[in-house]
Amino acid sequence: MNADDVVQVRYAPGVVGETRRVVHVAIRRPDGACAALCELVIEAAEAELLDGPAGMPCLVCVRALALGSGGAPVELDAEASR
């Protein structure tokens, strides 16, 4: 995993309602899906990758970043150790 694998992502327009389109901090998996710090997985076809801060952030992702207790979900840790 490198710095390019860490992305800001939200659901693409039309996939979910506007209130669910919050911005997550995520790690891009080899299959293109994004696994967020809050453990949400957004499939590649449903994702909108962002270049910078935009929109309402996911409060669970923000909390994980602030406390340093989040980290990647377990399946990502296993992939990183390969």
C-alpha atoms as a PDB file:
ATOM      1  CA  MET A   1       0.000   0.000   0.000  1.00  0.00           C
ATOM      2  CA  ASN A   2       1.246   3.488  -0.818  1.00  0.00           C
ATOM      3  CA  ALA A   3      -0.041   7.031  -0.383  1.00  0.00           C
ATOM      4  CA  ASP A   4      -1.921   6.859  -3.709  1.00  0.00           C
ATOM      5  CA  ASP A   5      -4.094   4.093  -2.254  1.00  0.00           C
ATOM      6  CA  VAL A   6      -5.569   6.473   0.366  1.00  0.00           C
ATOM      7  CA  VAL A   7      -8.452   8.373  -1.206  1.00  0.00           C
ATOM      8  CA  GLN A   8     -11.408  10.576  -0.398  1.00  0.00           C
ATOM      9  CA  VAL A   9     -14.502   8.960  -1.829  1.00  0.00           C
ATOM     10  CA  ARG A  10     -18.276   9.160  -1.752  1.00  0.00           C
ATOM     11  CA  TYR A  11     -21.103   7.483  -3.589  1.00  0.00           C
ATOM     12  CA  ALA A  12     -21.554   8.778  -7.139  1.00  0.00           C
ATOM     13  CA  PRO A  13     -24.594  10.968  -7.882  1.00  0.00           C
ATOM     14  CA  GLY A  14     -27.755   8.913  -8.325  1.00  0.00           C
ATOM     15  CA  VAL A  15     -26.498   5.806  -6.513  1.00  0.00           C
ATOM     16  CA  VAL A  16     -27.893   6.798  -3.122  1.00  0.00           C
ATOM     17  CA  GLY A  17     -29.816   9.766  -1.753  1.00  0.00           C
ATOM     18  CA  GLU A  18     -27.920  13.034  -1.235  1.00  0.00           C
ATOM     19  CA  THR A  19     -27.879  12.634   2.559  1.00  0.00           C
ATOM     20  CA  ARG A  20     -25.822   9.426   2.195  1.00  0.00           C
ATOM     21  CA  ARG A  21     -23.217  10.995  -0.102  1.00  0.00           C
ATOM     22  CA  VAL A  22     -20.806  11.909   2.691  1.00  0.00           C
ATOM     23  CA  VAL A  23     -17.068  11.924   2.049  1.00  0.00           C
ATOM     24  CA  HIS A  24     -15.119   8.977   3.439  1.00  0.00           C
ATOM     25  CA  VAL A  25     -11.401   8.453   3.947  1.00  0.00           C
ATOM     26  CA  ALA A  26     -10.701   5.112   2.326  1.00  0.00           C
ATOM     27  CA  ILE A  27      -8.096   2.745   0.990  1.00  0.00           C
ATOM     28  CA  ARG A  28      -8.447   1.673  -2.611  1.00  0.00           C
ATOM     29  CA  ARG A  29      -8.343  -2.111  -2.871  1.00  0.00           C
ATOM     30  CA  PRO A  30      -6.780  -3.982  -5.804  1.00  0.00           C
ATOM     31  CA  ASP A  31     -10.269  -4.686  -7.218  1.00  0.00           C
ATOM     32  CA  GLY A  32     -10.988  -0.924  -7.377  1.00  0.00           C
ATOM     33  CA  ALA A  33     -13.434  -0.853  -4.472  1.00  0.00           C
ATOM     34  CA  CYS A  34     -12.777   1.590  -1.637  1.00  0.00           C
ATOM     35  CA  ALA A  35     -12.827   0.456   1.996  1.00  0.00           C
ATOM     36  CA  ALA A  36     -13.441   3.394   4.343  1.00  0.00           C
ATOM     37  CA  LEU A  37     -12.177   3.830   7.890  1.00  0.00           C
ATOM     38  CA  CYS A  38     -15.804   3.484   9.024  1.00  0.00           C
ATOM     39  CA  GLU A  39     -15.769   0.008   7.394  1.00  0.00           C
ATOM     40  CA  LEU A  40     -18.090   0.979   4.522  1.00  0.00           C
ATOM     41  CA  VAL A  41     -17.045  -0.535   1.196  1.00  0.00           C
ATOM     42  CA  ILE A  42     -17.972   1.387  -1.947  1.00  0.00           C
ATOM     43  CA  GLU A  43     -17.636  -0.626  -5.139  1.00  0.00           C
ATOM     44  CA  ALA A  44     -15.659   0.961  -7.984  1.00  0.00           C
ATOM     45  CA  ALA A  45     -18.724   1.405 -10.212  1.00  0.00           C
ATOM     46  CA  GLU A  46     -20.532   3.322  -7.435  1.00  0.00           C
ATOM     47  CA  ALA A  47     -17.615   5.514  -6.306  1.00  0.00           C
ATOM     48  CA  GLU A  48     -16.820   9.153  -6.936  1.00  0.00           C
ATOM     49  CA  LEU A  49     -13.170   9.885  -6.105  1.00  0.00           C
ATOM     50  CA  LEU A  50     -12.457  13.424  -4.950  1.00  0.00           C
ATOM     51  CA  ASP A  51      -9.323  15.511  -5.546  1.00  0.00           C
ATOM     52  CA  GLY A  52      -9.622  17.390  -2.266  1.00  0.00           C
ATOM     53  CA  PRO A  53     -11.970  18.354   0.531  1.00  0.00           C
ATOM     54  CA  ALA A  54     -15.551  18.628  -0.701  1.00  0.00           C
ATOM     55  CA  GLY A  55     -18.913  18.029   0.890  1.00  0.00           C
ATOM     56  CA  MET A  56     -19.907  16.739   4.306  1.00  0.00           C
ATOM     57  CA  PRO A  57     -17.345  14.352   5.843  1.00  0.00           C
ATOM     58  CA  CYS A  58     -18.265  11.000   7.365  1.00  0.00           C
ATOM     59  CA  LEU A  59     -18.129  11.654  11.097  1.00  0.00           C
ATOM     60  CA  VAL A  60     -17.004   8.096  11.873  1.00  0.00           C
ATOM     61  CA  CYS A  61     -14.051   8.424   9.464  1.00  0.00           C
ATOM     62  CA  VAL A  62     -13.159  11.830  10.967  1.00  0.00           C
ATOM     63  CA  ARG A  63     -13.309  10.380  14.475  1.00  0.00           C
ATOM     64  CA  ALA A  64     -11.070   7.474  13.485  1.00  0.00           C
ATOM     65  CA  LEU A  65      -8.530   9.900  12.008  1.00  0.00           C
ATOM     66  CA  ALA A  66      -8.649  12.199  15.017  1.00  0.00           C
ATOM     67  CA  LEU A  67      -8.243   9.447  17.575  1.00  0.00           C
ATOM     68  CA  GLY A  68      -5.788   7.420  15.547  1.00  0.00           C
ATOM     69  CA  SER A  69      -7.764   4.347  16.540  1.00  0.00           C
ATOM     70  CA  GLY A  70      -9.437   3.697  13.217  1.00  0.00           C
ATOM     71  CA  GLY A  71      -7.081   2.077  10.795  1.00  0.00           C
ATOM     72  CA  ALA A  72      -7.992  -0.162   7.953  1.00  0.00           C
ATOM     73  CA  PRO A  73     -10.554  -2.910   8.317  1.00  0.00           C
ATOM     74  CA  VAL A  74      -9.105  -6.343   9.071  1.00  0.00           C
ATOM     75  CA  GLU A  75      -9.308  -7.614   5.485  1.00  0.00           C
ATOM     76  CA  LEU A  76      -7.133  -4.717   4.300  1.00  0.00           C
ATOM     77  CA  ASP A  77      -4.496  -5.482   6.934  1.00  0.00           C
ATOM     78  CA  ALA A  78      -4.347  -9.037   5.618  1.00  0.00           C
ATOM     79  CA  GLU A  79      -3.968  -7.832   2.008  1.00  0.00           C
ATOM     80  CA  ALA A  80      -1.210  -5.391   2.973  1.00  0.00           C
ATOM     81  CA  SER A  81       0.848  -8.141   4.575  1.00  0.00           C
ATOM     82  CA  ARG A  82       0.946 -10.202   1.363  1.00  0.00           C
END
